[in-house]
PDB file of N, CA and C in Angstrom:
ATOM      1  N   MET A   1    -275.912-163.100 100.658  1.00  0.00           N
ATOM      2  CA  MET A   1    -277.129-162.689 101.332  1.00  0.00           C
ATOM      3  C   MET A   1    -277.652-163.870 102.127  1.00  0.00           C
ATOM      4  N   ILE A   2    -277.942-163.624 103.384  1.00  0.00           N
ATOM      5  CA  ILE A   2    -278.457-164.679 104.243  1.00  0.00           C
ATOM      6  C   ILE A   2    -279.857-164.295 104.695  1.00  0.00           C
ATOM      7  N   LEU A   3    -280.832-165.091 104.321  1.00  0.00           N
ATOM      8  CA  LEU A   3    -282.220-164.871 104.715  1.00  0.00           C
ATOM      9  C   LEU A   3    -282.684-166.102 105.463  1.00  0.00           C
ATOM     10  N   SER A   4    -283.169-165.882 106.642  1.00  0.00           N
ATOM     11  CA  SER A   4    -283.658-167.022 107.411  1.00  0.00           C
ATOM     12  C   SER A   4    -285.176-166.984 107.446  1.00  0.00           C
ATOM     13  N   ASN A   5    -285.776-168.105 107.806  1.00  0.00           N
ATOM     14  CA  ASN A   5    -287.236-168.143 107.871  1.00  0.00           C
ATOM     15  C   ASN A   5    -287.747-167.662 109.222  1.00  0.00           C
ATOM     16  N   ILE A   6    -286.892-166.966 109.972  1.00  0.00           N
ATOM     17  CA  ILE A   6    -287.331-166.387 111.244  1.00  0.00           C
ATOM     18  C   ILE A   6    -287.333-164.864 111.196  1.00  0.00           C
ATOM     19  N   GLY A   7    -287.340-164.294 110.002  1.00  0.00           N
ATOM     20  CA  GLY A   7    -287.467-162.857 109.842  1.00  0.00           C
ATOM     21  C   GLY A   7    -286.182-162.076 109.907  1.00  0.00           C
ATOM     22  N   ASN A   8    -285.038-162.699 109.622  1.00  0.00           N
ATOM     23  CA  ASN A   8    -283.744-162.022 109.634  1.00  0.00           C
ATOM     24  C   ASN A   8    -283.130-162.005 108.247  1.00  0.00           C
ATOM     25  N   LEU A   9    -282.542-160.860 107.875  1.00  0.00           N
ATOM     26  CA  LEU A   9    -281.803-160.748 106.619  1.00  0.00           C
ATOM     27  C   LEU A   9    -280.464-160.110 106.921  1.00  0.00           C
ATOM     28  N   ASN A  10    -279.391-160.750 106.490  1.00  0.00           N
ATOM     29  CA  ASN A  10    -278.048-160.252 106.740  1.00  0.00           C
ATOM     30  C   ASN A  10    -277.328-160.044 105.415  1.00  0.00           C
ATOM     31  N   ILE A  11    -277.106-158.765 105.060  1.00  0.00           N
ATOM     32  CA  ILE A  11    -276.310-158.424 103.880  1.00  0.00           C
ATOM     33  C   ILE A  11    -275.103-157.594 104.318  1.00  0.00           C
ATOM     34  N   SER A  12    -274.640-157.807 105.519  1.00  0.00           N
ATOM     35  CA  SER A  12    -273.542-157.011 106.073  1.00  0.00           C
ATOM     36  C   SER A  12    -272.202-157.343 105.419  1.00  0.00           C
ATOM     37  N   ASN A  13    -271.341-156.310 105.391  1.00  0.00           N
ATOM     38  CA  ASN A  13    -269.945-156.445 104.959  1.00  0.00           C
ATOM     39  C   ASN A  13    -269.765-157.081 103.585  1.00  0.00           C
ATOM     40  N   LEU A  14    -270.616-156.702 102.652  1.00  0.00           N
ATOM     41  CA  LEU A  14    -270.519-157.215 101.281  1.00  0.00           C
ATOM     42  C   LEU A  14    -270.040-156.143 100.302  1.00  0.00           C
ATOM     43  N   GLU A  15    -269.619-154.980 100.831  1.00  0.00           N
ATOM     44  CA  GLU A  15    -269.154-153.856 100.020  1.00  0.00           C
ATOM     45  C   GLU A  15    -270.209-153.389  99.023  1.00  0.00           C
ATOM     46  N   LEU A  16    -271.467-153.458  99.413  1.00  0.00           N
ATOM     47  CA  LEU A  16    -272.573-153.066  98.535  1.00  0.00           C
ATOM     48  C   LEU A  16    -272.672-151.551  98.422  1.00  0.00           C
ATOM     49  N   GLN A  17    -273.009-151.076  97.230  1.00  0.00           N
ATOM     50  CA  GLN A  17    -273.243-149.655  96.988  1.00  0.00           C
ATOM     51  C   GLN A  17    -274.715-149.297  97.168  1.00  0.00           C
ATOM     52  N   GLU A  18    -275.567-150.312  97.182  1.00  0.00           N
ATOM     53  CA  GLU A  18    -277.006-150.119  97.373  1.00  0.00           C
ATOM     54  C   GLU A  18    -277.620-151.430  97.852  1.00  0.00           C
ATOM     55  N   VAL A  19    -278.819-151.339  98.385  1.00  0.00           N
ATOM     56  CA  VAL A  19    -279.544-152.547  98.767  1.00  0.00           C
ATOM     57  C   VAL A  19    -279.960-153.227  97.465  1.00  0.00           C
ATOM     58  N   PRO A  20    -279.624-154.499  97.283  1.00  0.00           N
ATOM     59  CA  PRO A  20    -279.932-155.187  96.020  1.00  0.00           C
ATOM     60  C   PRO A  20    -281.423-155.195  95.688  1.00  0.00           C
ATOM     61  N   GLU A  21    -281.714-155.119  94.410  1.00  0.00           N
ATOM     62  CA  GLU A  21    -283.098-155.140  93.935  1.00  0.00           C
ATOM     63  C   GLU A  21    -283.810-156.413  94.373  1.00  0.00           C
ATOM     64  N   ASP A  22    -283.081-157.516  94.438  1.00  0.00           N
ATOM     65  CA  ASP A  22    -283.682-158.773  94.885  1.00  0.00           C
ATOM     66  C   ASP A  22    -284.229-158.672  96.307  1.00  0.00           C
ATOM     67  N   VAL A  23    -283.611-157.851  97.128  1.00  0.00           N
ATOM     68  CA  VAL A  23    -284.100-157.657  98.495  1.00  0.00           C
ATOM     69  C   VAL A  23    -285.427-156.916  98.467  1.00  0.00           C
ATOM     70  N   HIS A  24    -285.495-155.851  97.671  1.00  0.00           N
ATOM     71  CA  HIS A  24    -286.729-155.069  97.588  1.00  0.00           C
ATOM     72  C   HIS A  24    -287.899-155.882  97.045  1.00  0.00           C
ATOM     73  N   SER A  25    -287.608-156.834  96.186  1.00  0.00           N
ATOM     74  CA  SER A  25    -288.695-157.577  95.539  1.00  0.00           C
ATOM     75  C   SER A  25    -288.869-158.991  96.076  1.00  0.00           C
ATOM     76  N   MET A  26    -288.212-159.335  97.180  1.00  0.00           N
ATOM     77  CA  MET A  26    -288.254-160.731  97.622  1.00  0.00           C
ATOM     78  C   MET A  26    -289.627-161.198  98.082  1.00  0.00           C
ATOM     79  N   TYR A  27    -290.537-160.288  98.411  1.00  0.00           N
ATOM     80  CA  TYR A  27    -291.883-160.685  98.804  1.00  0.00           C
ATOM     81  C   TYR A  27    -292.892-160.500  97.679  1.00  0.00           C
ATOM     82  N   ASN A  28    -292.448-160.056  96.514  1.00  0.00           N
ATOM     83  CA  ASN A  28    -293.328-159.870  95.359  1.00  0.00           C
ATOM     84  C   ASN A  28    -293.416-161.190  94.606  1.00  0.00           C
ATOM     85  N   LEU A  29    -294.448-161.931  94.879  1.00  0.00           N
ATOM     86  CA  LEU A  29    -294.608-163.245  94.261  1.00  0.00           C
ATOM     87  C   LEU A  29    -295.479-163.164  93.022  1.00  0.00           C
ATOM     88  N   THR A  30    -295.110-163.949  92.028  1.00  0.00           N
ATOM     89  CA  THR A  30    -295.932-164.110  90.836  1.00  0.00           C
ATOM     90  C   THR A  30    -296.190-165.603  90.661  1.00  0.00           C
ATOM     91  N   SER A  31    -297.116-165.922  89.824  1.00  0.00           N
ATOM     92  CA  SER A  31    -297.416-167.340  89.610  1.00  0.00           C
ATOM     93  C   SER A  31    -296.213-168.089  89.030  1.00  0.00           C
ATOM     94  N   LYS A  32    -295.331-167.383  88.334  1.00  0.00           N
ATOM     95  CA  LYS A  32    -294.148-168.021  87.768  1.00  0.00           C
ATOM     96  C   LYS A  32    -293.040-168.207  88.805  1.00  0.00           C
ATOM     97  N   SER A  33    -293.057-167.401  89.867  1.00  0.00           N
ATOM     98  CA  SER A  33    -291.983-167.493  90.863  1.00  0.00           C
ATOM     99  C   SER A  33    -292.292-168.460  91.994  1.00  0.00           C
ATOM    100  N   VAL A  34    -293.508-168.949  92.053  1.00  0.00           N
ATOM    101  CA  VAL A  34    -293.895-169.870  93.121  1.00  0.00           C
ATOM    102  C   VAL A  34    -293.870-171.302  92.607  1.00  0.00           C
ATOM    103  N   VAL A  35    -293.094-172.129  93.276  1.00  0.00           N
ATOM    104  CA  VAL A  35    -293.035-173.548  92.941  1.00  0.00           C
ATOM    105  C   VAL A  35    -293.610-174.304  94.126  1.00  0.00           C
ATOM    106  N   ILE A  36    -294.646-175.060  93.878  1.00  0.00           N
ATOM    107  CA  ILE A  36    -295.273-175.824  94.949  1.00  0.00           C
ATOM    108  C   ILE A  36    -294.761-177.248  94.886  1.00  0.00           C
ATOM    109  N   ASP A  37    -293.980-177.594  95.899  1.00  0.00           N
ATOM    110  CA  ASP A  37    -293.402-178.929  95.985  1.00  0.00           C
ATOM    111  C   ASP A  37    -293.440-179.358  97.437  1.00  0.00           C
ATOM    112  N   PHE A  38    -294.506-180.018  97.835  1.00  0.00           N
ATOM    113  CA  PHE A  38    -294.678-180.404  99.230  1.00  0.00           C
ATOM    114  C   PHE A  38    -293.779-181.573  99.625  1.00  0.00           C
ATOM    115  N   SER A  39    -293.136-182.193  98.650  1.00  0.00           N
ATOM    116  CA  SER A  39    -292.223-183.289  98.977  1.00  0.00           C
ATOM    117  C   SER A  39    -290.832-182.780  99.355  1.00  0.00           C
ATOM    118  N   SER A  40    -290.570-181.505  99.083  1.00  0.00           N
ATOM    119  CA  SER A  40    -289.267-180.927  99.393  1.00  0.00           C
ATOM    120  C   SER A  40    -289.104-180.735 100.895  1.00  0.00           C
ATOM    121  N   LYS A  41    -287.892-180.913 101.380  1.00  0.00           N
ATOM    122  CA  LYS A  41    -287.620-180.716 102.796  1.00  0.00           C
ATOM    123  C   LYS A  41    -287.208-179.280 103.111  1.00  0.00           C
ATOM    124  N   SER A  42    -287.015-178.457 102.100  1.00  0.00           N
ATOM    125  CA  SER A  42    -286.630-177.071 102.325  1.00  0.00           C
ATOM    126  C   SER A  42    -287.870-176.214 102.611  1.00  0.00           C
ATOM    127  N   SER A  43    -287.642-175.030 103.152  1.00  0.00           N
ATOM    128  CA  SER A  43    -288.727-174.110 103.462  1.00  0.00           C
ATOM    129  C   SER A  43    -289.376-173.629 102.176  1.00  0.00           C
ATOM    130  N   GLY A  44    -290.660-173.501 102.184  1.00  0.00           N
ATOM    131  CA  GLY A  44    -291.393-173.032 101.019  1.00  0.00           C
ATOM    132  C   GLY A  44    -291.859-171.606 101.188  1.00  0.00           C
ATOM    133  N   TRP A  45    -292.382-171.024 100.115  1.00  0.00           N
ATOM    134  CA  TRP A  45    -292.874-169.652 100.143  1.00  0.00           C
ATOM    135  C   TRP A  45    -293.985-169.491 101.162  1.00  0.00           C
ATOM    136  N   TYR A  46    -294.724-170.551 101.421  1.00  0.00           N
ATOM    137  CA  TYR A  46    -295.850-170.499 102.340  1.00  0.00           C
ATOM    138  C   TYR A  46    -295.389-170.441 103.799  1.00  0.00           C
ATOM    139  N   GLU A  47    -294.098-170.619 104.050  1.00  0.00           N
ATOM    140  CA  GLU A  47    -293.559-170.526 105.398  1.00  0.00           C
ATOM    141  C   GLU A  47    -292.855-169.191 105.650  1.00  0.00           C
ATOM    142  N   SER A  48    -292.963-168.260 104.723  1.00  0.00           N
ATOM    143  CA  SER A  48    -292.264-166.991 104.885  1.00  0.00           C
ATOM    144  C   SER A  48    -292.893-166.175 106.009  1.00  0.00           C
ATOM    145  N   VAL A  49    -292.055-165.379 106.643  1.00  0.00           N
ATOM    146  CA  VAL A  49    -292.490-164.512 107.732  1.00  0.00           C
ATOM    147  C   VAL A  49    -292.069-163.087 107.415  1.00  0.00           C
ATOM    148  N   ASP A  50    -292.666-162.127 108.102  1.00  0.00           N
ATOM    149  CA  ASP A  50    -292.282-160.731 107.905  1.00  0.00           C
ATOM    150  C   ASP A  50    -290.831-160.520 108.309  1.00  0.00           C
ATOM    151  N   LEU A  51    -290.146-159.679 107.567  1.00  0.00           N
ATOM    152  CA  LEU A  51    -288.782-159.323 107.903  1.00  0.00           C
ATOM    153  C   LEU A  51    -288.799-158.414 109.122  1.00  0.00           C
ATOM    154  N   GLU A  52    -288.133-158.821 110.179  1.00  0.00           N
ATOM    155  CA  GLU A  52    -288.076-158.036 111.417  1.00  0.00           C
ATOM    156  C   GLU A  52    -286.692-157.464 111.687  1.00  0.00           C
ATOM    157  N   ARG A  53    -285.647-158.162 111.288  1.00  0.00           N
ATOM    158  CA  ARG A  53    -284.276-157.722 111.539  1.00  0.00           C
ATOM    159  C   ARG A  53    -283.511-157.708 110.219  1.00  0.00           C
ATOM    160  N   PHE A  54    -282.953-156.547 109.897  1.00  0.00           N
ATOM    161  CA  PHE A  54    -282.238-156.353 108.638  1.00  0.00           C
ATOM    162  C   PHE A  54    -280.869-155.777 108.964  1.00  0.00           C
ATOM    163  N   ASN A  55    -279.819-156.522 108.648  1.00  0.00           N
ATOM    164  CA  ASN A  55    -278.454-156.084 108.920  1.00  0.00           C
ATOM    165  C   ASN A  55    -277.772-155.724 107.606  1.00  0.00           C
ATOM    166  N   ALA A  56    -277.572-154.423 107.389  1.00  0.00           N
ATOM    167  CA  ALA A  56    -276.879-153.934 106.200  1.00  0.00           C
ATOM    168  C   ALA A  56    -275.595-153.206 106.597  1.00  0.00           C
ATOM    169  N   SER A  57    -275.075-153.494 107.770  1.00  0.00           N
ATOM    170  CA  SER A  57    -273.898-152.797 108.289  1.00  0.00           C
ATOM    171  C   SER A  57    -272.645-153.119 107.483  1.00  0.00           C
ATOM    172  N   GLY A  58    -271.678-152.195 107.564  1.00  0.00           N
ATOM    173  CA  GLY A  58    -270.384-152.428 106.944  1.00  0.00           C
ATOM    174  C   GLY A  58    -270.372-152.387 105.438  1.00  0.00           C
ATOM    175  N   ASN A  59    -271.351-151.756 104.823  1.00  0.00           N
ATOM    176  CA  ASN A  59    -271.398-151.611 103.368  1.00  0.00           C
ATOM    177  C   ASN A  59    -271.089-150.173 102.972  1.00  0.00           C
ATOM    178  N   GLU A  60    -271.146-149.877 101.703  1.00  0.00           N
ATOM    179  CA  GLU A  60    -270.856-148.534 101.180  1.00  0.00           C
ATOM    180  C   GLU A  60    -272.127-147.846 100.684  1.00  0.00           C
ATOM    181  N   ILE A  61    -273.256-148.165 101.259  1.00  0.00           N
ATOM    182  CA  ILE A  61    -274.553-147.636 100.820  1.00  0.00           C
ATOM    183  C   ILE A  61    -274.641-146.150 101.181  1.00  0.00           C
ATOM    184  N   PRO A  62    -274.684-145.241 100.178  1.00  0.00           N
ATOM    185  CA  PRO A  62    -274.683-143.802 100.472  1.00  0.00           C
ATOM    186  C   PRO A  62    -276.034-143.246 100.900  1.00  0.00           C
ATOM    187  N   HIS A  63    -277.115-143.861 100.449  1.00  0.00           N
ATOM    188  CA  HIS A  63    -278.442-143.390 100.861  1.00  0.00           C
ATOM    189  C   HIS A  63    -279.420-144.568 100.826  1.00  0.00           C
ATOM    190  N   LEU A  64    -280.523-144.377 101.513  1.00  0.00           N
ATOM    191  CA  LEU A  64    -281.521-145.445 101.619  1.00  0.00           C
ATOM    192  C   LEU A  64    -282.700-145.180 100.705  1.00  0.00           C
ATOM    193  N   ASP A  65    -283.201-146.228 100.137  1.00  0.00           N
ATOM    194  CA  ASP A  65    -284.378-146.158  99.292  1.00  0.00           C
ATOM    195  C   ASP A  65    -285.615-146.215 100.192  1.00  0.00           C
ATOM    196  N   GLU A  66    -286.579-145.358  99.952  1.00  0.00           N
ATOM    197  CA  GLU A  66    -287.794-145.328 100.768  1.00  0.00           C
ATOM    198  C   GLU A  66    -288.608-146.615 100.651  1.00  0.00           C
ATOM    199  N   ARG A  67    -288.317-147.425  99.660  1.00  0.00           N
ATOM    200  CA  ARG A  67    -289.029-148.696  99.517  1.00  0.00           C
ATOM    201  C   ARG A  67    -288.796-149.614 100.707  1.00  0.00           C
ATOM    202  N   ILE A  68    -287.713-149.400 101.432  1.00  0.00           N
ATOM    203  CA  ILE A  68    -287.459-150.225 102.616  1.00  0.00           C
ATOM    204  C   ILE A  68    -288.630-150.106 103.580  1.00  0.00           C
ATOM    205  N   VAL A  69    -289.128-148.904 103.762  1.00  0.00           N
ATOM    206  CA  VAL A  69    -290.268-148.685 104.648  1.00  0.00           C
ATOM    207  C   VAL A  69    -291.531-149.297 104.055  1.00  0.00           C
ATOM    208  N   GLU A  70    -291.719-149.128 102.762  1.00  0.00           N
ATOM    209  CA  GLU A  70    -292.918-149.627 102.102  1.00  0.00           C
ATOM    210  C   GLU A  70    -292.958-151.154 102.058  1.00  0.00           C
ATOM    211  N   GLU A  71    -291.834-151.772 101.751  1.00  0.00           N
ATOM    212  CA  GLU A  71    -291.781-153.219 101.587  1.00  0.00           C
ATOM    213  C   GLU A  71    -291.729-153.988 102.906  1.00  0.00           C
ATOM    214  N   PHE A  72    -291.118-153.386 103.921  1.00  0.00           N
ATOM    215  CA  PHE A  72    -290.877-154.108 105.163  1.00  0.00           C
ATOM    216  C   PHE A  72    -291.518-153.394 106.349  1.00  0.00           C
ATOM    217  N   GLY A  73    -292.835-153.378 106.379  1.00  0.00           N
ATOM    218  CA  GLY A  73    -293.579-152.705 107.439  1.00  0.00           C
ATOM    219  C   GLY A  73    -293.404-153.332 108.810  1.00  0.00           C
ATOM    220  N   GLY A  74    -292.995-154.591 108.867  1.00  0.00           N
ATOM    221  CA  GLY A  74    -292.798-155.267 110.144  1.00  0.00           C
ATOM    222  C   GLY A  74    -291.393-155.135 110.692  1.00  0.00           C
ATOM    223  N   LEU A  75    -290.549-154.339 110.026  1.00  0.00           N
ATOM    224  CA  LEU A  75    -289.153-154.188 110.430  1.00  0.00           C
ATOM    225  C   LEU A  75    -289.044-153.538 111.805  1.00  0.00           C
ATOM    226  N   LYS A  76    -288.318-154.200 112.707  1.00  0.00           N
ATOM    227  CA  LYS A  76    -288.128-153.706 114.069  1.00  0.00           C
ATOM    228  C   LYS A  76    -286.697-153.261 114.327  1.00  0.00           C
ATOM    229  N   HIS A  77    -285.749-153.817 113.585  1.00  0.00           N
ATOM    230  CA  HIS A  77    -284.336-153.497 113.777  1.00  0.00           C
ATOM    231  C   HIS A  77    -283.668-153.413 112.417  1.00  0.00           C
ATOM    232  N   PHE A  78    -283.038-152.275 112.140  1.00  0.00           N
ATOM    233  CA  PHE A  78    -282.347-152.075 110.870  1.00  0.00           C
ATOM    234  C   PHE A  78    -280.965-151.527 111.166  1.00  0.00           C
ATOM    235  N   ASP A  79    -279.942-152.333 110.974  1.00  0.00           N
ATOM    236  CA  ASP A  79    -278.573-151.963 111.312  1.00  0.00           C
ATOM    237  C   ASP A  79    -277.844-151.446 110.080  1.00  0.00           C
ATOM    238  N   VAL A  80    -277.491-150.163 110.087  1.00  0.00           N
ATOM    239  CA  VAL A  80    -276.708-149.554 109.019  1.00  0.00           C
ATOM    240  C   VAL A  80    -275.404-148.978 109.576  1.00  0.00           C
ATOM    241  N   SER A  81    -274.971-149.488 110.711  1.00  0.00           N
ATOM    242  CA  SER A  81    -273.730-148.994 111.298  1.00  0.00           C
ATOM    243  C   SER A  81    -272.568-149.234 110.343  1.00  0.00           C
ATOM    244  N   GLY A  82    -271.638-148.290 110.334  1.00  0.00           N
ATOM    245  CA  GLY A  82    -270.477-148.419 109.462  1.00  0.00           C
ATOM    246  C   GLY A  82    -270.762-148.150 108.004  1.00  0.00           C
ATOM    247  N   THR A  83    -271.875-147.478 107.707  1.00  0.00           N
ATOM    248  CA  THR A  83    -272.202-147.116 106.325  1.00  0.00           C
ATOM    249  C   THR A  83    -272.342-145.606 106.219  1.00  0.00           C
ATOM    250  N   PRO A  84    -272.113-145.037 105.030  1.00  0.00           N
ATOM    251  CA  PRO A  84    -272.291-143.596 104.861  1.00  0.00           C
ATOM    252  C   PRO A  84    -273.724-143.126 105.088  1.00  0.00           C
ATOM    253  N   CYS A  85    -274.703-143.994 104.982  1.00  0.00           N
ATOM    254  CA  CYS A  85    -276.105-143.571 105.097  1.00  0.00           C
ATOM    255  C   CYS A  85    -276.570-143.492 106.549  1.00  0.00           C
ATOM    256  N   LYS A  86    -275.707-143.778 107.504  1.00  0.00           N
ATOM    257  CA  LYS A  86    -276.095-143.814 108.908  1.00  0.00           C
ATOM    258  C   LYS A  86    -276.764-142.503 109.350  1.00  0.00           C
ATOM    259  N   ALA A  87    -276.181-141.362 109.007  1.00  0.00           N
ATOM    260  CA  ALA A  87    -276.757-140.076 109.409  1.00  0.00           C
ATOM    261  C   ALA A  87    -278.098-139.837 108.709  1.00  0.00           C
ATOM    262  N   GLU A  88    -278.174-140.196 107.443  1.00  0.00           N
ATOM    263  CA  GLU A  88    -279.423-140.041 106.694  1.00  0.00           C
ATOM    264  C   GLU A  88    -280.523-140.884 107.316  1.00  0.00           C
ATOM    265  N   PHE A  89    -280.177-142.071 107.752  1.00  0.00           N
ATOM    266  CA  PHE A  89    -281.152-142.974 108.354  1.00  0.00           C
ATOM    267  C   PHE A  89    -281.774-142.334 109.592  1.00  0.00           C
ATOM    268  N   ARG A  90    -280.964-141.707 110.412  1.00  0.00           N
ATOM    269  CA  ARG A  90    -281.497-141.045 111.604  1.00  0.00           C
ATOM    270  C   ARG A  90    -282.462-139.932 111.222  1.00  0.00           C
ATOM    271  N   CYS A  91    -282.144-139.204 110.152  1.00  0.00           N
ATOM    272  CA  CYS A  91    -282.990-138.095 109.720  1.00  0.00           C
ATOM    273  C   CYS A  91    -284.328-138.568 109.158  1.00  0.00           C
ATOM    274  N   MET A  92    -284.346-139.765 108.588  1.00  0.00           N
ATOM    275  CA  MET A  92    -285.573-140.254 107.993  1.00  0.00           C
ATOM    276  C   MET A  92    -286.631-140.547 109.052  1.00  0.00           C
ATOM    277  N   GLN A  93    -286.225-140.953 110.237  1.00  0.00           N
ATOM    278  CA  GLN A  93    -287.134-141.281 111.327  1.00  0.00           C
ATOM    279  C   GLN A  93    -288.271-142.170 110.839  1.00  0.00           C
ATOM    280  N   ILE A  94    -287.904-143.285 110.281  1.00  0.00           N
ATOM    281  CA  ILE A  94    -288.919-144.161 109.708  1.00  0.00           C
ATOM    282  C   ILE A  94    -289.427-145.205 110.678  1.00  0.00           C
ATOM    283  N   PHE A  95    -288.776-145.359 111.817  1.00  0.00           N
ATOM    284  CA  PHE A  95    -289.221-146.376 112.755  1.00  0.00           C
ATOM    285  C   PHE A  95    -289.614-145.752 114.058  1.00  0.00           C
TER     286      PHE A  95
END
């Protein structure tokens, strides 16, 4: 899974049967999941941005969970090409 701090998530071609639970909950922060370390050179939770581009192409995902719409309201591009859920995605008309 590749997540960048510019609003892109790429889980393409991983032979996934579903969108991983970690993806659905990646913005659900708790006091135990947040580590504040201002000396670190890596990106922190405070630099997170809304997910705008989600690439789930080339997987075996048969259907989409409605949580995608609920969790990622800023989503502008969702690529499910090459997956069985492609037709279902068009029917959902979520964007």
